[in-house]
Amino acid sequence: MKKGELIAEFAKRTELSAAAANGAVNTLIAIITERLKKGDTVGITGFGTFSVAKRAARKGRNPATGEAIKIAASKTPKFSAGATLKSAVNPTKKK
């Protein structure tokens, strides 16, 4: 499902206009992005948690030349699925 399809489904289920649904989805994405940029964690009960993971600096290799390179430390967004979402995706799994 792409973003446009998500917006269309959101509009259908909430009986909002496509423009209003687009605004709601974009606002949700913007809020999550802003909080992650600040280093915060965003938890949605039953769905999951968005957080920022830190990657340490490390050595790597250029796959084209085999030359050793330094990879700088960085931050990356992370998502951990909640129990309700996990159960919905894998209903046969027992706790």
PDB file of N, CA and C in Angstrom:
ATOM      1  N   MET A   1       0.855  -1.178   0.000  1.00  0.00           N
ATOM      2  CA  MET A   1       0.000   0.000   0.000  1.00  0.00           C
ATOM      3  C   MET A   1       0.892   1.230   0.000  1.00  0.00           C
ATOM      4  N   LYS A   2       0.606   2.111  -0.905  1.00  0.00           N
ATOM      5  CA  LYS A   2       1.344   3.364  -0.989  1.00  0.00           C
ATOM      6  C   LYS A   2       0.581   4.457  -0.245  1.00  0.00           C
ATOM      7  N   LYS A   3       1.244   5.590  -0.062  1.00  0.00           N
ATOM      8  CA  LYS A   3       0.654   6.681   0.715  1.00  0.00           C
ATOM      9  C   LYS A   3      -0.694   7.118   0.155  1.00  0.00           C
ATOM     10  N   GLY A   4      -0.812   7.244  -1.164  1.00  0.00           N
ATOM     11  CA  GLY A   4      -2.077   7.649  -1.777  1.00  0.00           C
ATOM     12  C   GLY A   4      -3.204   6.670  -1.487  1.00  0.00           C
ATOM     13  N   GLU A   5      -2.875   5.388  -1.501  1.00  0.00           N
ATOM     14  CA  GLU A   5      -3.871   4.352  -1.190  1.00  0.00           C
ATOM     15  C   GLU A   5      -4.270   4.418   0.282  1.00  0.00           C
ATOM     16  N   LEU A   6      -3.291   4.675   1.143  1.00  0.00           N
ATOM     17  CA  LEU A   6      -3.574   4.819   2.576  1.00  0.00           C
ATOM     18  C   LEU A   6      -4.520   5.994   2.813  1.00  0.00           C
ATOM     19  N   ILE A   7      -4.256   7.111   2.159  1.00  0.00           N
ATOM     20  CA  ILE A   7      -5.095   8.300   2.311  1.00  0.00           C
ATOM     21  C   ILE A   7      -6.504   8.023   1.813  1.00  0.00           C
ATOM     22  N   ALA A   8      -6.623   7.350   0.690  1.00  0.00           N
ATOM     23  CA  ALA A   8      -7.946   7.019   0.151  1.00  0.00           C
ATOM     24  C   ALA A   8      -8.717   6.106   1.105  1.00  0.00           C
ATOM     25  N   GLU A   9      -8.050   5.116   1.667  1.00  0.00           N
ATOM     26  CA  GLU A   9      -8.707   4.202   2.620  1.00  0.00           C
ATOM     27  C   GLU A   9      -9.085   4.941   3.899  1.00  0.00           C
ATOM     28  N   PHE A  10      -8.203   5.822   4.356  1.00  0.00           N
ATOM     29  CA  PHE A  10      -8.478   6.631   5.551  1.00  0.00           C
ATOM     30  C   PHE A  10      -9.709   7.500   5.320  1.00  0.00           C
ATOM     31  N   ALA A  11      -9.788   8.140   4.158  1.00  0.00           N
ATOM     32  CA  ALA A  11     -10.934   8.995   3.821  1.00  0.00           C
ATOM     33  C   ALA A  11     -12.224   8.178   3.792  1.00  0.00           C
ATOM     34  N   LYS A  12     -12.148   6.998   3.206  1.00  0.00           N
ATOM     35  CA  LYS A  12     -13.328   6.133   3.101  1.00  0.00           C
ATOM     36  C   LYS A  12     -13.832   5.700   4.486  1.00  0.00           C
ATOM     37  N   ARG A  13     -12.909   5.259   5.331  1.00  0.00           N
ATOM     38  CA  ARG A  13     -13.303   4.738   6.651  1.00  0.00           C
ATOM     39  C   ARG A  13     -13.771   5.827   7.609  1.00  0.00           C
ATOM     40  N   THR A  14     -13.231   7.027   7.468  1.00  0.00           N
ATOM     41  CA  THR A  14     -13.599   8.103   8.383  1.00  0.00           C
ATOM     42  C   THR A  14     -14.659   9.032   7.811  1.00  0.00           C
ATOM     43  N   GLU A  15     -15.012   8.808   6.551  1.00  0.00           N
ATOM     44  CA  GLU A  15     -15.977   9.648   5.845  1.00  0.00           C
ATOM     45  C   GLU A  15     -15.505  11.106   5.766  1.00  0.00           C
ATOM     46  N   LEU A  16     -14.188  11.292   5.721  1.00  0.00           N
ATOM     47  CA  LEU A  16     -13.601  12.614   5.514  1.00  0.00           C
ATOM     48  C   LEU A  16     -13.367  12.807   4.023  1.00  0.00           C
ATOM     49  N   SER A  17     -13.209  14.046   3.624  1.00  0.00           N
ATOM     50  CA  SER A  17     -12.843  14.304   2.237  1.00  0.00           C
ATOM     51  C   SER A  17     -11.412  13.817   2.028  1.00  0.00           C
ATOM     52  N   ALA A  18     -11.044  13.601   0.782  1.00  0.00           N
ATOM     53  CA  ALA A  18      -9.680  13.167   0.473  1.00  0.00           C
ATOM     54  C   ALA A  18      -8.667  14.212   0.944  1.00  0.00           C
ATOM     55  N   ALA A  19      -9.013  15.485   0.801  1.00  0.00           N
ATOM     56  CA  ALA A  19      -8.112  16.559   1.229  1.00  0.00           C
ATOM     57  C   ALA A  19      -7.921  16.541   2.746  1.00  0.00           C
ATOM     58  N   ALA A  20      -9.006  16.333   3.495  1.00  0.00           N
ATOM     59  CA  ALA A  20      -8.918  16.284   4.955  1.00  0.00           C
ATOM     60  C   ALA A  20      -8.119  15.059   5.405  1.00  0.00           C
ATOM     61  N   ALA A  21      -8.349  13.927   4.758  1.00  0.00           N
ATOM     62  CA  ALA A  21      -7.612  12.711   5.089  1.00  0.00           C
ATOM     63  C   ALA A  21      -6.126  12.892   4.784  1.00  0.00           C
ATOM     64  N   ASN A  22      -5.829  13.519   3.654  1.00  0.00           N
ATOM     65  CA  ASN A  22      -4.446  13.802   3.288  1.00  0.00           C
ATOM     66  C   ASN A  22      -3.789  14.680   4.355  1.00  0.00           C
ATOM     67  N   GLY A  23      -4.493  15.693   4.799  1.00  0.00           N
ATOM     68  CA  GLY A  23      -3.976  16.578   5.843  1.00  0.00           C
ATOM     69  C   GLY A  23      -3.728  15.836   7.145  1.00  0.00           C
ATOM     70  N   ALA A  24      -4.648  14.938   7.505  1.00  0.00           N
ATOM     71  CA  ALA A  24      -4.507  14.183   8.754  1.00  0.00           C
ATOM     72  C   ALA A  24      -3.302  13.252   8.696  1.00  0.00           C
ATOM     73  N   VAL A  25      -3.153  12.532   7.604  1.00  0.00           N
ATOM     74  CA  VAL A  25      -2.027  11.602   7.459  1.00  0.00           C
ATOM     75  C   VAL A  25      -0.708  12.370   7.440  1.00  0.00           C
ATOM     76  N   ASN A  26      -0.650  13.462   6.682  1.00  0.00           N
ATOM     77  CA  ASN A  26       0.571  14.264   6.631  1.00  0.00           C
ATOM     78  C   ASN A  26       0.911  14.862   7.987  1.00  0.00           C
ATOM     79  N   THR A  27      -0.100  15.270   8.740  1.00  0.00           N
ATOM     80  CA  THR A  27       0.131  15.822  10.071  1.00  0.00           C
ATOM     81  C   THR A  27       0.680  14.762  11.014  1.00  0.00           C
ATOM     82  N   LEU A  28       0.130  13.558  10.962  1.00  0.00           N
ATOM     83  CA  LEU A  28       0.628  12.471  11.799  1.00  0.00           C
ATOM     84  C   LEU A  28       2.092  12.178  11.483  1.00  0.00           C
ATOM     85  N   ILE A  29       2.419  12.098  10.209  1.00  0.00           N
ATOM     86  CA  ILE A  29       3.799  11.838   9.799  1.00  0.00           C
ATOM     87  C   ILE A  29       4.715  12.974  10.262  1.00  0.00           C
ATOM     88  N   ALA A  30       4.256  14.209  10.119  1.00  0.00           N
ATOM     89  CA  ALA A  30       5.061  15.367  10.530  1.00  0.00           C
ATOM     90  C   ALA A  30       5.315  15.360  12.036  1.00  0.00           C
ATOM     91  N   ILE A  31       4.305  15.034  12.826  1.00  0.00           N
ATOM     92  CA  ILE A  31       4.454  14.999  14.289  1.00  0.00           C
ATOM     93  C   ILE A  31       5.462  13.929  14.690  1.00  0.00           C
ATOM     94  N   ILE A  32       5.322  12.739  14.130  1.00  0.00           N
ATOM     95  CA  ILE A  32       6.256  11.658  14.459  1.00  0.00           C
ATOM     96  C   ILE A  32       7.676  12.055  14.056  1.00  0.00           C
ATOM     97  N   THR A  33       7.833  12.624  12.867  1.00  0.00           N
ATOM     98  CA  THR A  33       9.147  13.048  12.384  1.00  0.00           C
ATOM     99  C   THR A  33       9.767  14.098  13.302  1.00  0.00           C
ATOM    100  N   GLU A  34       8.981  15.108  13.681  1.00  0.00           N
ATOM    101  CA  GLU A  34       9.482  16.170  14.555  1.00  0.00           C
ATOM    102  C   GLU A  34       9.933  15.621  15.901  1.00  0.00           C
ATOM    103  N   ARG A  35       9.156  14.712  16.474  1.00  0.00           N
ATOM    104  CA  ARG A  35       9.512  14.156  17.783  1.00  0.00           C
ATOM    105  C   ARG A  35      10.773  13.304  17.690  1.00  0.00           C
ATOM    106  N   LEU A  36      10.910  12.547  16.612  1.00  0.00           N
ATOM    107  CA  LEU A  36      12.119  11.743  16.438  1.00  0.00           C
ATOM    108  C   LEU A  36      13.342  12.620  16.233  1.00  0.00           C
ATOM    109  N   LYS A  37      13.190  13.735  15.515  1.00  0.00           N
ATOM    110  CA  LYS A  37      14.304  14.663  15.323  1.00  0.00           C
ATOM    111  C   LYS A  37      14.788  15.206  16.657  1.00  0.00           C
ATOM    112  N   LYS A  38      13.877  15.366  17.610  1.00  0.00           N
ATOM    113  CA  LYS A  38      14.239  15.848  18.948  1.00  0.00           C
ATOM    114  C   LYS A  38      14.834  14.741  19.812  1.00  0.00           C
ATOM    115  N   GLY A  39      14.771  13.507  19.328  1.00  0.00           N
ATOM    116  CA  GLY A  39      15.291  12.380  20.096  1.00  0.00           C
ATOM    117  C   GLY A  39      14.253  11.701  20.959  1.00  0.00           C
ATOM    118  N   ASP A  40      13.002  12.110  20.824  1.00  0.00           N
ATOM    119  CA  ASP A  40      11.923  11.516  21.610  1.00  0.00           C
ATOM    120  C   ASP A  40      11.499  10.166  21.041  1.00  0.00           C
ATOM    121  N   THR A  41      10.712   9.452  21.816  1.00  0.00           N
ATOM    122  CA  THR A  41      10.105   8.195  21.398  1.00  0.00           C
ATOM    123  C   THR A  41       8.610   8.442  21.254  1.00  0.00           C
ATOM    124  N   VAL A  42       7.990   7.863  20.227  1.00  0.00           N
ATOM    125  CA  VAL A  42       6.555   8.008  20.010  1.00  0.00           C
ATOM    126  C   VAL A  42       5.941   6.623  20.098  1.00  0.00           C
ATOM    127  N   GLY A  43       5.113   6.409  21.116  1.00  0.00           N
ATOM    128  CA  GLY A  43       4.448   5.120  21.301  1.00  0.00           C
ATOM    129  C   GLY A  43       2.965   5.224  21.020  1.00  0.00           C
ATOM    130  N   ILE A  44       2.465   4.303  20.226  1.00  0.00           N
ATOM    131  CA  ILE A  44       1.031   4.227  19.936  1.00  0.00           C
ATOM    132  C   ILE A  44       0.568   2.878  20.472  1.00  0.00           C
ATOM    133  N   THR A  45      -0.148   2.907  21.576  1.00  0.00           N
ATOM    134  CA  THR A  45      -0.559   1.697  22.256  1.00  0.00           C
ATOM    135  C   THR A  45      -1.264   0.744  21.299  1.00  0.00           C
ATOM    136  N   GLY A  46      -0.823  -0.495  21.312  1.00  0.00           N
ATOM    137  CA  GLY A  46      -1.403  -1.523  20.463  1.00  0.00           C
ATOM    138  C   GLY A  46      -0.823  -1.565  19.063  1.00  0.00           C
ATOM    139  N   PHE A  47      -0.143  -0.509  18.652  1.00  0.00           N
ATOM    140  CA  PHE A  47       0.431  -0.465  17.306  1.00  0.00           C
ATOM    141  C   PHE A  47       1.941  -0.648  17.356  1.00  0.00           C
ATOM    142  N   GLY A  48       2.626   0.239  18.077  1.00  0.00           N
ATOM    143  CA  GLY A  48       4.075   0.113  18.168  1.00  0.00           C
ATOM    144  C   GLY A  48       4.740   1.379  18.644  1.00  0.00           C
ATOM    145  N   THR A  49       6.064   1.360  18.615  1.00  0.00           N
ATOM    146  CA  THR A  49       6.861   2.478  19.111  1.00  0.00           C
ATOM    147  C   THR A  49       7.889   2.892  18.070  1.00  0.00           C
ATOM    148  N   PHE A  50       7.911   4.185  17.789  1.00  0.00           N
ATOM    149  CA  PHE A  50       8.921   4.775  16.925  1.00  0.00           C
ATOM    150  C   PHE A  50       9.998   5.356  17.828  1.00  0.00           C
ATOM    151  N   SER A  51      11.263   5.102  17.508  1.00  0.00           N
ATOM    152  CA  SER A  51      12.354   5.625  18.306  1.00  0.00           C
ATOM    153  C   SER A  51      13.557   5.896  17.397  1.00  0.00           C
ATOM    154  N   VAL A  52      14.617   6.418  17.995  1.00  0.00           N
ATOM    155  CA  VAL A  52      15.843   6.703  17.262  1.00  0.00           C
ATOM    156  C   VAL A  52      16.928   5.786  17.805  1.00  0.00           C
ATOM    157  N   ALA A  53      17.582   5.057  16.915  1.00  0.00           N
ATOM    158  CA  ALA A  53      18.686   4.180  17.294  1.00  0.00           C
ATOM    159  C   ALA A  53      19.988   4.848  16.868  1.00  0.00           C
ATOM    160  N   LYS A  54      21.011   4.716  17.698  1.00  0.00           N
ATOM    161  CA  LYS A  54      22.320   5.283  17.382  1.00  0.00           C
ATOM    162  C   LYS A  54      23.215   4.178  16.821  1.00  0.00           C
ATOM    163  N   ARG A  55      23.883   4.498  15.732  1.00  0.00           N
ATOM    164  CA  ARG A  55      24.849   3.571  15.133  1.00  0.00           C
ATOM    165  C   ARG A  55      26.243   4.125  15.386  1.00  0.00           C
ATOM    166  N   ALA A  56      27.092   3.323  15.940  1.00  0.00           N
ATOM    167  CA  ALA A  56      28.462   3.741  16.229  1.00  0.00           C
ATOM    168  C   ALA A  56      29.267   3.828  14.933  1.00  0.00           C
ATOM    169  N   ALA A  57      30.323   4.614  14.976  1.00  0.00           N
ATOM    170  CA  ALA A  57      31.237   4.675  13.838  1.00  0.00           C
ATOM    171  C   ALA A  57      31.870   3.296  13.678  1.00  0.00           C
ATOM    172  N   ARG A  58      32.159   2.932  12.435  1.00  0.00           N
ATOM    173  CA  ARG A  58      32.730   1.610  12.199  1.00  0.00           C
ATOM    174  C   ARG A  58      33.537   1.617  10.903  1.00  0.00           C
ATOM    175  N   LYS A  59      34.270   0.541  10.714  1.00  0.00           N
ATOM    176  CA  LYS A  59      35.034   0.379   9.481  1.00  0.00           C
ATOM    177  C   LYS A  59      34.206  -0.450   8.509  1.00  0.00           C
ATOM    178  N   GLY A  60      34.340  -0.144   7.245  1.00  0.00           N
ATOM    179  CA  GLY A  60      33.649  -0.893   6.219  1.00  0.00           C
ATOM    180  C   GLY A  60      34.535  -1.053   5.007  1.00  0.00           C
ATOM    181  N   ARG A  61      33.974  -1.599   3.941  1.00  0.00           N
ATOM    182  CA  ARG A  61      34.723  -1.780   2.701  1.00  0.00           C
ATOM    183  C   ARG A  61      33.893  -1.279   1.533  1.00  0.00           C
ATOM    184  N   ASN A  62      34.547  -0.605   0.613  1.00  0.00           N
ATOM    185  CA  ASN A  62      33.911  -0.193  -0.625  1.00  0.00           C
ATOM    186  C   ASN A  62      33.708  -1.465  -1.451  1.00  0.00           C
ATOM    187  N   PRO A  63      32.465  -1.838  -1.756  1.00  0.00           N
ATOM    188  CA  PRO A  63      32.247  -3.101  -2.458  1.00  0.00           C
ATOM    189  C   PRO A  63      32.822  -3.113  -3.876  1.00  0.00           C
ATOM    190  N   ALA A  64      32.977  -1.962  -4.487  1.00  0.00           N
ATOM    191  CA  ALA A  64      33.502  -1.904  -5.854  1.00  0.00           C
ATOM    192  C   ALA A  64      35.016  -2.093  -5.897  1.00  0.00           C
ATOM    193  N   THR A  65      35.715  -1.510  -4.899  1.00  0.00           N
ATOM    194  CA  THR A  65      37.179  -1.547  -4.932  1.00  0.00           C
ATOM    195  C   THR A  65      37.792  -2.412  -3.841  1.00  0.00           C
ATOM    196  N   GLY A  66      37.015  -2.717  -2.799  1.00  0.00           N
ATOM    197  CA  GLY A  66      37.557  -3.478  -1.675  1.00  0.00           C
ATOM    198  C   GLY A  66      38.342  -2.625  -0.714  1.00  0.00           C
ATOM    199  N   GLU A  67      38.424  -1.315  -0.988  1.00  0.00           N
ATOM    200  CA  GLU A  67      39.178  -0.393  -0.149  1.00  0.00           C
ATOM    201  C   GLU A  67      38.488  -0.205   1.205  1.00  0.00           C
ATOM    202  N   ALA A  68      39.288  -0.170   2.284  1.00  0.00           N
ATOM    203  CA  ALA A  68      38.752   0.065   3.624  1.00  0.00           C
ATOM    204  C   ALA A  68      38.301   1.521   3.734  1.00  0.00           C
ATOM    205  N   ILE A  69      37.128   1.736   4.344  1.00  0.00           N
ATOM    206  CA  ILE A  69      36.610   3.090   4.541  1.00  0.00           C
ATOM    207  C   ILE A  69      36.099   3.229   5.962  1.00  0.00           C
ATOM    208  N   LYS A  70      35.994   4.466   6.429  1.00  0.00           N
ATOM    209  CA  LYS A  70      35.424   4.756   7.736  1.00  0.00           C
ATOM    210  C   LYS A  70      33.966   5.154   7.532  1.00  0.00           C
ATOM    211  N   ILE A  71      33.076   4.544   8.289  1.00  0.00           N
ATOM    212  CA  ILE A  71      31.657   4.886   8.239  1.00  0.00           C
ATOM    213  C   ILE A  71      31.354   5.687   9.503  1.00  0.00           C
ATOM    214  N   ALA A  72      30.872   6.896   9.321  1.00  0.00           N
ATOM    215  CA  ALA A  72      30.622   7.797  10.451  1.00  0.00           C
ATOM    216  C   ALA A  72      29.460   7.300  11.311  1.00  0.00           C
ATOM    217  N   ALA A  73      29.474   7.715  12.576  1.00  0.00           N
ATOM    218  CA  ALA A  73      28.355   7.426  13.472  1.00  0.00           C
ATOM    219  C   ALA A  73      27.108   8.119  12.933  1.00  0.00           C
ATOM    220  N   SER A  74      25.949   7.525  13.169  1.00  0.00           N
ATOM    221  CA  SER A  74      24.710   8.118  12.676  1.00  0.00           C
ATOM    222  C   SER A  74      23.531   7.704  13.544  1.00  0.00           C
ATOM    223  N   LYS A  75      22.413   8.332  13.286  1.00  0.00           N
ATOM    224  CA  LYS A  75      21.159   7.983  13.945  1.00  0.00           C
ATOM    225  C   LYS A  75      20.219   7.458  12.878  1.00  0.00           C
ATOM    226  N   THR A  76      19.358   6.521  13.248  1.00  0.00           N
ATOM    227  CA  THR A  76      18.408   5.972  12.294  1.00  0.00           C
ATOM    228  C   THR A  76      17.063   5.752  12.980  1.00  0.00           C
ATOM    229  N   PRO A  77      15.952   5.993  12.277  1.00  0.00           N
ATOM    230  CA  PRO A  77      14.654   5.731  12.879  1.00  0.00           C
ATOM    231  C   PRO A  77      14.433   4.227  13.028  1.00  0.00           C
ATOM    232  N   LYS A  78      13.712   3.870  14.077  1.00  0.00           N
ATOM    233  CA  LYS A  78      13.457   2.468  14.390  1.00  0.00           C
ATOM    234  C   LYS A  78      11.985   2.313  14.747  1.00  0.00           C
ATOM    235  N   PHE A  79      11.390   1.188  14.373  1.00  0.00           N
ATOM    236  CA  PHE A  79      10.008   0.903  14.738  1.00  0.00           C
ATOM    237  C   PHE A  79       9.946  -0.474  15.362  1.00  0.00           C
ATOM    238  N   SER A  80       9.307  -0.555  16.532  1.00  0.00           N
ATOM    239  CA  SER A  80       9.081  -1.836  17.196  1.00  0.00           C
ATOM    240  C   SER A  80       7.583  -2.064  17.261  1.00  0.00           C
ATOM    241  N   ALA A  81       7.130  -3.140  16.664  1.00  0.00           N
ATOM    242  CA  ALA A  81       5.700  -3.442  16.642  1.00  0.00           C
ATOM    243  C   ALA A  81       5.204  -3.796  18.036  1.00  0.00           C
ATOM    244  N   GLY A  82       3.986  -3.358  18.347  1.00  0.00           N
ATOM    245  CA  GLY A  82       3.352  -3.675  19.619  1.00  0.00           C
ATOM    246  C   GLY A  82       2.719  -5.052  19.584  1.00  0.00           C
ATOM    247  N   ALA A  83       2.331  -5.541  20.750  1.00  0.00           N
ATOM    248  CA  ALA A  83       1.771  -6.888  20.871  1.00  0.00           C
ATOM    249  C   ALA A  83       0.498  -7.070  20.054  1.00  0.00           C
ATOM    250  N   THR A  84      -0.367  -6.063  20.028  1.00  0.00           N
ATOM    251  CA  THR A  84      -1.624  -6.175  19.279  1.00  0.00           C
ATOM    252  C   THR A  84      -1.349  -6.298  17.785  1.00  0.00           C
ATOM    253  N   LEU A  85      -0.422  -5.506  17.274  1.00  0.00           N
ATOM    254  CA  LEU A  85      -0.067  -5.577  15.859  1.00  0.00           C
ATOM    255  C   LEU A  85       0.578  -6.918  15.532  1.00  0.00           C
ATOM    256  N   LYS A  86       1.474  -7.380  16.382  1.00  0.00           N
ATOM    257  CA  LYS A  86       2.112  -8.673  16.165  1.00  0.00           C
ATOM    258  C   LYS A  86       1.082  -9.793  16.129  1.00  0.00           C
ATOM    259  N   SER A  87       0.110  -9.744  17.033  1.00  0.00           N
ATOM    260  CA  SER A  87      -0.939 -10.763  17.082  1.00  0.00           C
ATOM    261  C   SER A  87      -1.816 -10.731  15.835  1.00  0.00           C
ATOM    262  N   ALA A  88      -2.085  -9.539  15.331  1.00  0.00           N
ATOM    263  CA  ALA A  88      -2.907  -9.414  14.126  1.00  0.00           C
ATOM    264  C   ALA A  88      -2.198  -9.999  12.907  1.00  0.00           C
ATOM    265  N   VAL A  89      -0.889  -9.818  12.840  1.00  0.00           N
ATOM    266  CA  VAL A  89      -0.115 -10.307  11.701  1.00  0.00           C
ATOM    267  C   VAL A  89       0.128 -11.807  11.810  1.00  0.00           C
ATOM    268  N   ASN A  90       0.296 -12.283  13.019  1.00  0.00           N
ATOM    269  CA  ASN A  90       0.598 -13.693  13.253  1.00  0.00           C
ATOM    270  C   ASN A  90      -0.371 -14.249  14.295  1.00  0.00           C
ATOM    271  N   PRO A  91      -1.660 -14.470  13.938  1.00  0.00           N
ATOM    272  CA  PRO A  91      -2.673 -14.845  14.927  1.00  0.00           C
ATOM    273  C   PRO A  91      -2.495 -16.219  15.549  1.00  0.00           C
ATOM    274  N   THR A  92      -1.736 -17.101  14.929  1.00  0.00           N
ATOM    275  CA  THR A  92      -1.584 -18.450  15.473  1.00  0.00           C
ATOM    276  C   THR A  92      -0.526 -18.538  16.555  1.00  0.00           C
ATOM    277  N   LYS A  93       0.310 -17.518  16.652  1.00  0.00           N
ATOM    278  CA  LYS A  93       1.370 -17.531  17.658  1.00  0.00           C
ATOM    279  C   LYS A  93       0.772 -17.335  19.043  1.00  0.00           C
ATOM    280  N   LYS A  94       1.161 -18.172  19.977  1.00  0.00           N
ATOM    281  CA  LYS A  94       0.665 -18.085  21.360  1.00  0.00           C
ATOM    282  C   LYS A  94       1.666 -17.333  22.193  1.00  0.00           C
ATOM    283  N   LYS A  95       1.176 -16.600  23.175  1.00  0.00           N
ATOM    284  CA  LYS A  95       2.034 -15.814  24.059  1.00  0.00           C
ATOM    285  C   LYS A  95       2.688 -16.670  25.097  1.00  0.00           C
TER     286      LYS A  95
END
